[in-house]
Amino acid sequence: MALLGNVLGFLALLVIFNLPAQMMGLNFSFVAPDPSWFHLRGWSLGVAWLVLLPLLGAARWSVLQSDRTGSTELTSWITKLAVACASYAYFTAGLAALTGIDALYFGMISNAFLTIAAGTLACLIWPMSKSAAVSVALVAVWSTIASIGVAEAILTVRVRL
């Protein structure tokens, strides 16, 4: 599949996974009563994933182009990471709706998983494609930044389990 196909395919993955979440009534809006120094705005989450998912598609294409041993397996892991990123809403707002536990806690757990998975995958990809590794590492960077915002929200609002 060509570069454009990978990029658009991963973007479509994001849209296809998240349209049903909105229709099921999952609430993604969180407004801290008193926005503090690191309050992430809700729209920034959408913009981040709209950039990161196509970058993962480009990373997949780049690793495939390397045609080295293990490239097919690594592209499979890139796709799995993209699915995890695209289904983030279900790990946070969805689990919160099912359990009654605040979505911020599930967000923190999901962010930790994505950070570790993306960081590990970026290290494995590095020998095959430096640009693909950087694209995947950006997911870890974003998840870390988002975790700071989630931790700040938990501490500010003092959300209970």
N, C-alpha and C. Protein backbone atom coordinates (compact mmCIF):
# COMPACT_ATOMS: atom_id res chain seq x y z
N MET A 1 0.85 -1.17 0.00
CA MET A 1 0.00 0.00 0.00
C MET A 1 0.90 1.24 0.00
N ALA A 2 0.54 2.21 -0.75
CA ALA A 2 1.34 3.42 -0.88
C ALA A 2 1.28 4.25 0.41
N LEU A 3 2.20 5.19 0.48
CA LEU A 3 2.27 6.06 1.65
C LEU A 3 0.93 6.73 1.93
N LEU A 4 0.33 7.31 0.91
CA LEU A 4 -0.94 8.01 1.09
C LEU A 4 -2.03 7.06 1.60
N GLY A 5 -2.03 5.83 1.11
CA GLY A 5 -3.00 4.85 1.57
C GLY A 5 -2.85 4.53 3.05
N ASN A 6 -1.59 4.41 3.51
CA ASN A 6 -1.34 4.16 4.94
C ASN A 6 -1.78 5.34 5.79
N VAL A 7 -1.44 6.53 5.36
CA VAL A 7 -1.78 7.74 6.12
C VAL A 7 -3.30 7.90 6.20
N LEU A 8 -3.97 7.79 5.07
CA LEU A 8 -5.43 7.95 5.06
C LEU A 8 -6.12 6.79 5.76
N GLY A 9 -5.55 5.59 5.63
CA GLY A 9 -6.13 4.43 6.31
C GLY A 9 -6.12 4.58 7.82
N PHE A 10 -5.00 5.08 8.35
CA PHE A 10 -4.92 5.26 9.80
C PHE A 10 -5.80 6.42 10.25
N LEU A 11 -5.94 7.43 9.43
CA LEU A 11 -6.85 8.54 9.75
C LEU A 11 -8.30 8.03 9.76
N ALA A 12 -8.63 7.20 8.78
CA ALA A 12 -9.98 6.61 8.73
C ALA A 12 -10.23 5.73 9.95
N LEU A 13 -9.21 5.02 10.39
CA LEU A 13 -9.31 4.19 11.59
C LEU A 13 -9.75 5.04 12.78
N LEU A 14 -9.14 6.20 12.93
CA LEU A 14 -9.48 7.10 14.03
C LEU A 14 -10.94 7.54 13.95
N VAL A 15 -11.36 7.94 12.77
CA VAL A 15 -12.73 8.42 12.59
C VAL A 15 -13.74 7.28 12.80
N ILE A 16 -13.47 6.13 12.20
CA ILE A 16 -14.39 5.00 12.30
C ILE A 16 -14.54 4.53 13.75
N PHE A 17 -13.44 4.51 14.49
CA PHE A 17 -13.50 4.07 15.88
C PHE A 17 -14.24 5.08 16.77
N ASN A 18 -14.13 6.35 16.46
CA ASN A 18 -14.66 7.36 17.38
C ASN A 18 -16.05 7.85 17.06
N LEU A 19 -16.54 7.67 15.86
CA LEU A 19 -17.92 8.06 15.56
C LEU A 19 -18.93 7.30 16.40
N PRO A 20 -18.80 5.97 16.52
CA PRO A 20 -19.77 5.26 17.38
C PRO A 20 -19.70 5.70 18.83
N ALA A 21 -18.52 6.05 19.31
CA ALA A 21 -18.40 6.49 20.71
C ALA A 21 -19.24 7.73 20.95
N GLN A 22 -19.20 8.65 20.03
CA GLN A 22 -20.02 9.86 20.17
C GLN A 22 -21.50 9.52 20.11
N MET A 23 -21.86 8.59 19.21
CA MET A 23 -23.27 8.22 19.08
C MET A 23 -23.78 7.45 20.29
N MET A 24 -22.87 6.74 20.99
CA MET A 24 -23.25 6.01 22.20
C MET A 24 -23.36 6.93 23.40
N GLY A 25 -23.04 8.20 23.21
CA GLY A 25 -23.20 9.16 24.29
C GLY A 25 -22.02 9.26 25.23
N LEU A 26 -20.86 8.74 24.83
CA LEU A 26 -19.69 8.89 25.68
C LEU A 26 -19.30 10.35 25.74
N ASN A 27 -19.08 10.84 26.93
CA ASN A 27 -18.77 12.25 27.14
C ASN A 27 -17.26 12.44 27.23
N PHE A 28 -16.72 13.23 26.32
CA PHE A 28 -15.28 13.47 26.28
C PHE A 28 -14.91 14.82 26.88
N SER A 29 -15.90 15.57 27.28
CA SER A 29 -15.60 16.92 27.75
C SER A 29 -15.33 16.89 29.25
N PHE A 30 -14.25 17.52 29.61
CA PHE A 30 -13.91 17.68 31.02
C PHE A 30 -13.46 19.12 31.18
N VAL A 31 -14.10 19.83 32.05
CA VAL A 31 -13.70 21.21 32.31
C VAL A 31 -13.40 21.32 33.79
N ALA A 32 -12.16 21.59 34.09
CA ALA A 32 -11.78 21.76 35.49
C ALA A 32 -12.46 23.00 36.03
N PRO A 33 -12.90 22.97 37.27
CA PRO A 33 -13.58 24.14 37.84
C PRO A 33 -12.68 25.38 37.82
N ASP A 34 -11.40 25.17 38.00
CA ASP A 34 -10.47 26.28 38.00
C ASP A 34 -9.24 25.87 37.19
N PRO A 35 -9.27 26.11 35.85
CA PRO A 35 -8.14 25.67 35.04
C PRO A 35 -6.82 26.20 35.58
N SER A 36 -5.89 25.29 35.76
CA SER A 36 -4.61 25.68 36.35
C SER A 36 -3.52 25.74 35.30
N TRP A 37 -2.30 25.64 35.73
CA TRP A 37 -1.15 25.88 34.88
C TRP A 37 -1.03 24.92 33.71
N PHE A 38 -1.56 23.71 33.81
CA PHE A 38 -1.37 22.74 32.73
C PHE A 38 -2.69 22.13 32.28
N HIS A 39 -3.70 22.91 32.17
CA HIS A 39 -5.00 22.39 31.78
C HIS A 39 -5.03 22.20 30.26
N LEU A 40 -5.15 20.93 29.84
CA LEU A 40 -5.27 20.63 28.41
C LEU A 40 -6.72 20.87 27.99
N ARG A 41 -6.89 21.58 26.94
CA ARG A 41 -8.23 21.83 26.41
C ARG A 41 -8.70 20.59 25.66
N GLY A 42 -9.99 20.32 25.68
CA GLY A 42 -10.54 19.14 25.03
C GLY A 42 -10.20 19.05 23.55
N TRP A 43 -10.21 20.19 22.85
CA TRP A 43 -9.93 20.16 21.42
C TRP A 43 -8.49 19.75 21.13
N SER A 44 -7.57 19.97 22.08
CA SER A 44 -6.17 19.63 21.83
C SER A 44 -5.99 18.11 21.72
N LEU A 45 -6.84 17.35 22.39
CA LEU A 45 -6.76 15.90 22.30
C LEU A 45 -7.09 15.42 20.90
N GLY A 46 -8.14 15.96 20.34
CA GLY A 46 -8.53 15.59 18.98
C GLY A 46 -7.49 15.98 17.95
N VAL A 47 -6.95 17.17 18.08
CA VAL A 47 -5.91 17.62 17.15
C VAL A 47 -4.68 16.73 17.25
N ALA A 48 -4.29 16.38 18.46
CA ALA A 48 -3.11 15.52 18.64
C ALA A 48 -3.30 14.19 17.92
N TRP A 49 -4.45 13.55 18.11
CA TRP A 49 -4.65 12.25 17.47
C TRP A 49 -4.83 12.39 15.97
N LEU A 50 -5.39 13.51 15.51
CA LEU A 50 -5.50 13.73 14.05
C LEU A 50 -4.12 13.87 13.40
N VAL A 51 -3.13 14.26 14.16
CA VAL A 51 -1.76 14.36 13.65
C VAL A 51 -1.03 13.02 13.86
N LEU A 52 -1.18 12.44 15.03
CA LEU A 52 -0.41 11.24 15.38
C LEU A 52 -0.81 9.99 14.59
N LEU A 53 -2.10 9.80 14.35
CA LEU A 53 -2.51 8.60 13.63
C LEU A 53 -1.99 8.57 12.20
N PRO A 54 -2.09 9.66 11.43
CA PRO A 54 -1.45 9.64 10.11
C PRO A 54 0.07 9.44 10.17
N LEU A 55 0.71 9.98 11.22
CA LEU A 55 2.15 9.74 11.38
C LEU A 55 2.43 8.25 11.61
N LEU A 56 1.56 7.58 12.35
CA LEU A 56 1.72 6.13 12.52
C LEU A 56 1.53 5.41 11.19
N GLY A 57 0.62 5.89 10.37
CA GLY A 57 0.45 5.30 9.03
C GLY A 57 1.71 5.47 8.19
N ALA A 58 2.30 6.66 8.26
CA ALA A 58 3.56 6.89 7.54
C ALA A 58 4.68 6.03 8.10
N ALA A 59 4.69 5.83 9.41
CA ALA A 59 5.70 4.97 10.04
C ALA A 59 5.54 3.54 9.55
N ARG A 60 4.32 3.08 9.46
CA ARG A 60 4.07 1.72 8.98
C ARG A 60 4.62 1.56 7.57
N TRP A 61 4.31 2.50 6.71
CA TRP A 61 4.79 2.47 5.33
C TRP A 61 6.32 2.49 5.29
N SER A 62 6.93 3.33 6.09
CA SER A 62 8.38 3.45 6.11
C SER A 62 9.06 2.15 6.54
N VAL A 63 8.49 1.50 7.56
CA VAL A 63 9.06 0.22 8.01
C VAL A 63 8.89 -0.85 6.94
N LEU A 64 7.75 -0.86 6.27
CA LEU A 64 7.54 -1.81 5.17
C LEU A 64 8.56 -1.60 4.06
N GLN A 65 8.89 -0.35 3.79
CA GLN A 65 9.84 -0.04 2.72
C GLN A 65 11.25 -0.51 3.05
N SER A 66 11.55 -0.64 4.33
CA SER A 66 12.90 -1.06 4.73
C SER A 66 13.19 -2.48 4.28
N ASP A 67 12.15 -3.30 4.16
CA ASP A 67 12.27 -4.67 3.66
C ASP A 67 13.33 -5.46 4.41
N ARG A 68 13.41 -5.25 5.71
CA ARG A 68 14.37 -5.96 6.55
C ARG A 68 13.66 -7.04 7.35
N THR A 69 14.42 -7.96 7.87
CA THR A 69 13.86 -9.03 8.68
C THR A 69 13.12 -8.43 9.88
N GLY A 70 11.90 -8.88 10.06
CA GLY A 70 11.08 -8.40 11.17
C GLY A 70 10.21 -7.21 10.82
N SER A 71 10.35 -6.66 9.61
CA SER A 71 9.58 -5.46 9.28
C SER A 71 8.08 -5.74 9.25
N THR A 72 7.69 -6.92 8.78
CA THR A 72 6.27 -7.24 8.73
C THR A 72 5.67 -7.33 10.14
N GLU A 73 6.40 -7.95 11.04
CA GLU A 73 5.92 -8.07 12.42
C GLU A 73 5.82 -6.68 13.08
N LEU A 74 6.82 -5.84 12.82
CA LEU A 74 6.78 -4.50 13.42
C LEU A 74 5.64 -3.66 12.85
N THR A 75 5.34 -3.81 11.56
CA THR A 75 4.20 -3.06 11.01
C THR A 75 2.91 -3.53 11.65
N SER A 76 2.84 -4.80 11.99
CA SER A 76 1.66 -5.31 12.70
C SER A 76 1.54 -4.64 14.07
N TRP A 77 2.67 -4.46 14.75
CA TRP A 77 2.64 -3.80 16.06
C TRP A 77 2.31 -2.32 15.93
N ILE A 78 2.74 -1.68 14.85
CA ILE A 78 2.37 -0.27 14.62
C ILE A 78 0.85 -0.17 14.45
N THR A 79 0.29 -1.11 13.70
CA THR A 79 -1.17 -1.12 13.49
C THR A 79 -1.89 -1.35 14.81
N LYS A 80 -1.38 -2.26 15.63
CA LYS A 80 -2.00 -2.51 16.95
C LYS A 80 -1.92 -1.27 17.84
N LEU A 81 -0.80 -0.58 17.78
CA LEU A 81 -0.67 0.67 18.55
C LEU A 81 -1.69 1.69 18.06
N ALA A 82 -1.86 1.79 16.75
CA ALA A 82 -2.83 2.73 16.19
C ALA A 82 -4.25 2.39 16.63
N VAL A 83 -4.57 1.10 16.67
CA VAL A 83 -5.90 0.68 17.14
C VAL A 83 -6.08 1.06 18.61
N ALA A 84 -5.04 0.86 19.42
CA ALA A 84 -5.12 1.25 20.84
C ALA A 84 -5.32 2.75 20.97
N CYS A 85 -4.60 3.52 20.16
CA CYS A 85 -4.74 4.99 20.20
C CYS A 85 -6.14 5.41 19.76
N ALA A 86 -6.62 4.81 18.68
CA ALA A 86 -7.93 5.19 18.14
C ALA A 86 -9.07 4.80 19.08
N SER A 87 -8.87 3.74 19.86
CA SER A 87 -9.93 3.29 20.76
C SER A 87 -9.77 3.85 22.18
N TYR A 88 -8.96 4.86 22.33
CA TYR A 88 -8.70 5.50 23.63
C TYR A 88 -9.99 5.89 24.34
N ALA A 89 -10.95 6.37 23.59
CA ALA A 89 -12.22 6.81 24.19
C ALA A 89 -12.91 5.68 24.95
N TYR A 90 -12.78 4.47 24.43
CA TYR A 90 -13.43 3.34 25.07
C TYR A 90 -12.70 2.92 26.36
N PHE A 91 -11.38 3.15 26.39
CA PHE A 91 -10.61 2.82 27.59
C PHE A 91 -10.83 3.85 28.69
N THR A 92 -11.24 5.04 28.34
CA THR A 92 -11.40 6.09 29.33
C THR A 92 -12.88 6.34 29.61
N ALA A 93 -13.53 7.04 28.73
CA ALA A 93 -14.94 7.39 28.95
C ALA A 93 -15.83 6.15 28.97
N GLY A 94 -15.53 5.17 28.13
CA GLY A 94 -16.34 3.96 28.09
C GLY A 94 -16.27 3.16 29.37
N LEU A 95 -15.04 2.92 29.85
CA LEU A 95 -14.89 2.18 31.11
C LEU A 95 -15.44 2.97 32.29
N ALA A 96 -15.32 4.28 32.22
CA ALA A 96 -15.88 5.11 33.30
C ALA A 96 -17.40 4.97 33.34
N ALA A 97 -18.02 4.96 32.17
CA ALA A 97 -19.47 4.82 32.12
C ALA A 97 -19.91 3.45 32.63
N LEU A 98 -19.12 2.42 32.38
CA LEU A 98 -19.47 1.07 32.82
C LEU A 98 -19.23 0.84 34.31
N THR A 99 -18.17 1.47 34.85
CA THR A 99 -17.77 1.17 36.23
C THR A 99 -18.15 2.24 37.24
N GLY A 100 -18.37 3.46 36.78
CA GLY A 100 -18.64 4.55 37.70
C GLY A 100 -17.37 5.17 38.27
N ILE A 101 -16.21 4.65 37.88
CA ILE A 101 -14.92 5.22 38.29
C ILE A 101 -14.60 6.35 37.32
N ASP A 102 -14.08 7.44 37.83
CA ASP A 102 -13.81 8.60 36.99
C ASP A 102 -12.89 8.26 35.82
N ALA A 103 -13.20 8.82 34.66
CA ALA A 103 -12.43 8.57 33.43
C ALA A 103 -10.98 9.01 33.54
N LEU A 104 -10.71 9.95 34.42
CA LEU A 104 -9.32 10.41 34.57
C LEU A 104 -8.39 9.28 35.00
N TYR A 105 -8.87 8.39 35.84
CA TYR A 105 -8.04 7.27 36.29
C TYR A 105 -7.77 6.30 35.13
N PHE A 106 -8.81 6.03 34.34
CA PHE A 106 -8.60 5.17 33.18
C PHE A 106 -7.70 5.86 32.16
N GLY A 107 -7.80 7.19 32.08
CA GLY A 107 -6.92 7.95 31.20
C GLY A 107 -5.47 7.81 31.61
N MET A 108 -5.22 7.85 32.90
CA MET A 108 -3.85 7.71 33.39
C MET A 108 -3.29 6.32 33.08
N ILE A 109 -4.10 5.30 33.29
CA ILE A 109 -3.67 3.93 32.99
C ILE A 109 -3.43 3.77 31.49
N SER A 110 -4.35 4.28 30.67
CA SER A 110 -4.20 4.18 29.22
C SER A 110 -2.98 4.93 28.74
N ASN A 111 -2.74 6.10 29.30
CA ASN A 111 -1.56 6.88 28.91
C ASN A 111 -0.27 6.15 29.26
N ALA A 112 -0.24 5.52 30.42
CA ALA A 112 0.96 4.76 30.82
C ALA A 112 1.19 3.61 29.84
N PHE A 113 0.13 2.89 29.50
CA PHE A 113 0.25 1.81 28.53
C PHE A 113 0.76 2.32 27.19
N LEU A 114 0.15 3.38 26.67
CA LEU A 114 0.56 3.92 25.37
C LEU A 114 1.99 4.42 25.39
N THR A 115 2.40 5.05 26.47
CA THR A 115 3.77 5.55 26.58
C THR A 115 4.77 4.41 26.53
N ILE A 116 4.52 3.37 27.31
CA ILE A 116 5.43 2.23 27.35
C ILE A 116 5.44 1.49 26.01
N ALA A 117 4.26 1.25 25.46
CA ALA A 117 4.17 0.51 24.19
C ALA A 117 4.83 1.29 23.06
N ALA A 118 4.53 2.58 22.95
CA ALA A 118 5.09 3.38 21.87
C ALA A 118 6.60 3.55 22.03
N GLY A 119 7.06 3.76 23.25
CA GLY A 119 8.50 3.91 23.49
C GLY A 119 9.26 2.65 23.14
N THR A 120 8.74 1.51 23.55
CA THR A 120 9.37 0.22 23.24
C THR A 120 9.38 -0.03 21.74
N LEU A 121 8.24 0.21 21.10
CA LEU A 121 8.14 0.00 19.65
C LEU A 121 9.08 0.93 18.89
N ALA A 122 9.20 2.17 19.32
CA ALA A 122 10.11 3.11 18.66
C ALA A 122 11.55 2.61 18.74
N CYS A 123 11.93 2.06 19.87
CA CYS A 123 13.29 1.51 20.01
C CYS A 123 13.52 0.33 19.08
N LEU A 124 12.51 -0.50 18.90
CA LEU A 124 12.64 -1.65 18.01
C LEU A 124 12.69 -1.23 16.54
N ILE A 125 12.00 -0.16 16.21
CA ILE A 125 11.93 0.31 14.82
C ILE A 125 13.18 1.09 14.42
N TRP A 126 13.83 1.72 15.38
CA TRP A 126 14.96 2.62 15.11
C TRP A 126 15.96 2.07 14.09
N PRO A 127 16.42 0.82 14.18
CA PRO A 127 17.40 0.33 13.21
C PRO A 127 16.87 0.25 11.77
N MET A 128 15.56 0.13 11.63
CA MET A 128 14.97 -0.01 10.29
C MET A 128 14.65 1.33 9.65
N SER A 129 14.12 2.24 10.45
CA SER A 129 13.72 3.54 9.92
C SER A 129 13.69 4.56 11.06
N LYS A 130 14.60 5.48 10.99
CA LYS A 130 14.69 6.50 12.04
C LYS A 130 13.46 7.40 12.03
N SER A 131 12.97 7.76 10.85
CA SER A 131 11.80 8.63 10.77
C SER A 131 10.56 7.92 11.32
N ALA A 132 10.43 6.62 11.05
CA ALA A 132 9.30 5.86 11.58
C ALA A 132 9.40 5.77 13.10
N ALA A 133 10.61 5.57 13.60
CA ALA A 133 10.80 5.49 15.06
C ALA A 133 10.42 6.80 15.73
N VAL A 134 10.79 7.91 15.12
CA VAL A 134 10.44 9.22 15.69
C VAL A 134 8.92 9.41 15.67
N SER A 135 8.28 9.03 14.58
CA SER A 135 6.82 9.15 14.49
C SER A 135 6.13 8.35 15.58
N VAL A 136 6.61 7.14 15.84
CA VAL A 136 6.03 6.30 16.89
C VAL A 136 6.36 6.89 18.26
N ALA A 137 7.58 7.38 18.43
CA ALA A 137 7.98 7.97 19.72
C ALA A 137 7.13 9.19 20.06
N LEU A 138 6.62 9.88 19.06
CA LEU A 138 5.77 11.04 19.33
C LEU A 138 4.49 10.64 20.07
N VAL A 139 4.02 9.42 19.86
CA VAL A 139 2.87 8.93 20.62
C VAL A 139 3.23 8.85 22.10
N ALA A 140 4.45 8.36 22.38
CA ALA A 140 4.90 8.29 23.78
C ALA A 140 5.04 9.69 24.38
N VAL A 141 5.56 10.61 23.58
CA VAL A 141 5.71 11.99 24.06
C VAL A 141 4.34 12.59 24.37
N TRP A 142 3.41 12.44 23.44
CA TRP A 142 2.07 12.99 23.65
C TRP A 142 1.38 12.35 24.85
N SER A 143 1.50 11.04 24.99
CA SER A 143 0.87 10.36 26.12
C SER A 143 1.45 10.83 27.45
N THR A 144 2.74 11.12 27.44
CA THR A 144 3.37 11.65 28.66
C THR A 144 2.85 13.05 28.98
N ILE A 145 2.76 13.89 27.97
CA ILE A 145 2.22 15.25 28.16
C ILE A 145 0.77 15.17 28.66
N ALA A 146 -0.01 14.30 28.02
CA ALA A 146 -1.40 14.14 28.44
C ALA A 146 -1.49 13.63 29.88
N SER A 147 -0.56 12.77 30.28
CA SER A 147 -0.56 12.25 31.65
C SER A 147 -0.33 13.35 32.66
N ILE A 148 0.49 14.31 32.31
CA ILE A 148 0.72 15.45 33.20
C ILE A 148 -0.61 16.21 33.39
N GLY A 149 -1.31 16.41 32.28
CA GLY A 149 -2.60 17.08 32.36
C GLY A 149 -3.62 16.29 33.15
N VAL A 150 -3.63 14.98 32.98
CA VAL A 150 -4.56 14.13 33.72
C VAL A 150 -4.23 14.15 35.22
N ALA A 151 -2.96 14.02 35.54
CA ALA A 151 -2.55 14.05 36.96
C ALA A 151 -2.93 15.38 37.59
N GLU A 152 -2.70 16.44 36.85
CA GLU A 152 -3.05 17.78 37.35
C GLU A 152 -4.56 17.88 37.60
N ALA A 153 -5.35 17.32 36.68
CA ALA A 153 -6.81 17.36 36.85
C ALA A 153 -7.25 16.52 38.04
N ILE A 154 -6.62 15.36 38.22
CA ILE A 154 -6.98 14.52 39.37
C ILE A 154 -6.67 15.25 40.67
N LEU A 155 -5.52 15.88 40.74
CA LEU A 155 -5.12 16.58 41.96
C LEU A 155 -5.96 17.84 42.20
N THR A 156 -6.30 18.54 41.11
CA THR A 156 -7.07 19.77 41.23
C THR A 156 -8.51 19.50 41.66
N VAL A 157 -9.11 18.52 41.04
CA VAL A 157 -10.51 18.22 41.29
C VAL A 157 -10.66 17.26 42.46
N ARG A 158 -9.59 16.57 42.81
CA ARG A 158 -9.60 15.56 43.86
C ARG A 158 -10.69 14.52 43.60
N VAL A 159 -10.60 13.93 42.43
CA VAL A 159 -11.57 12.93 41.99
C VAL A 159 -11.39 11.68 42.82
N ARG A 160 -12.50 11.12 43.28
CA ARG A 160 -12.45 9.88 44.06
C ARG A 160 -12.64 8.68 43.14
N LEU A 161 -12.08 7.56 43.58
CA LEU A 161 -12.29 6.30 42.86
C LEU A 161 -13.71 5.82 43.04
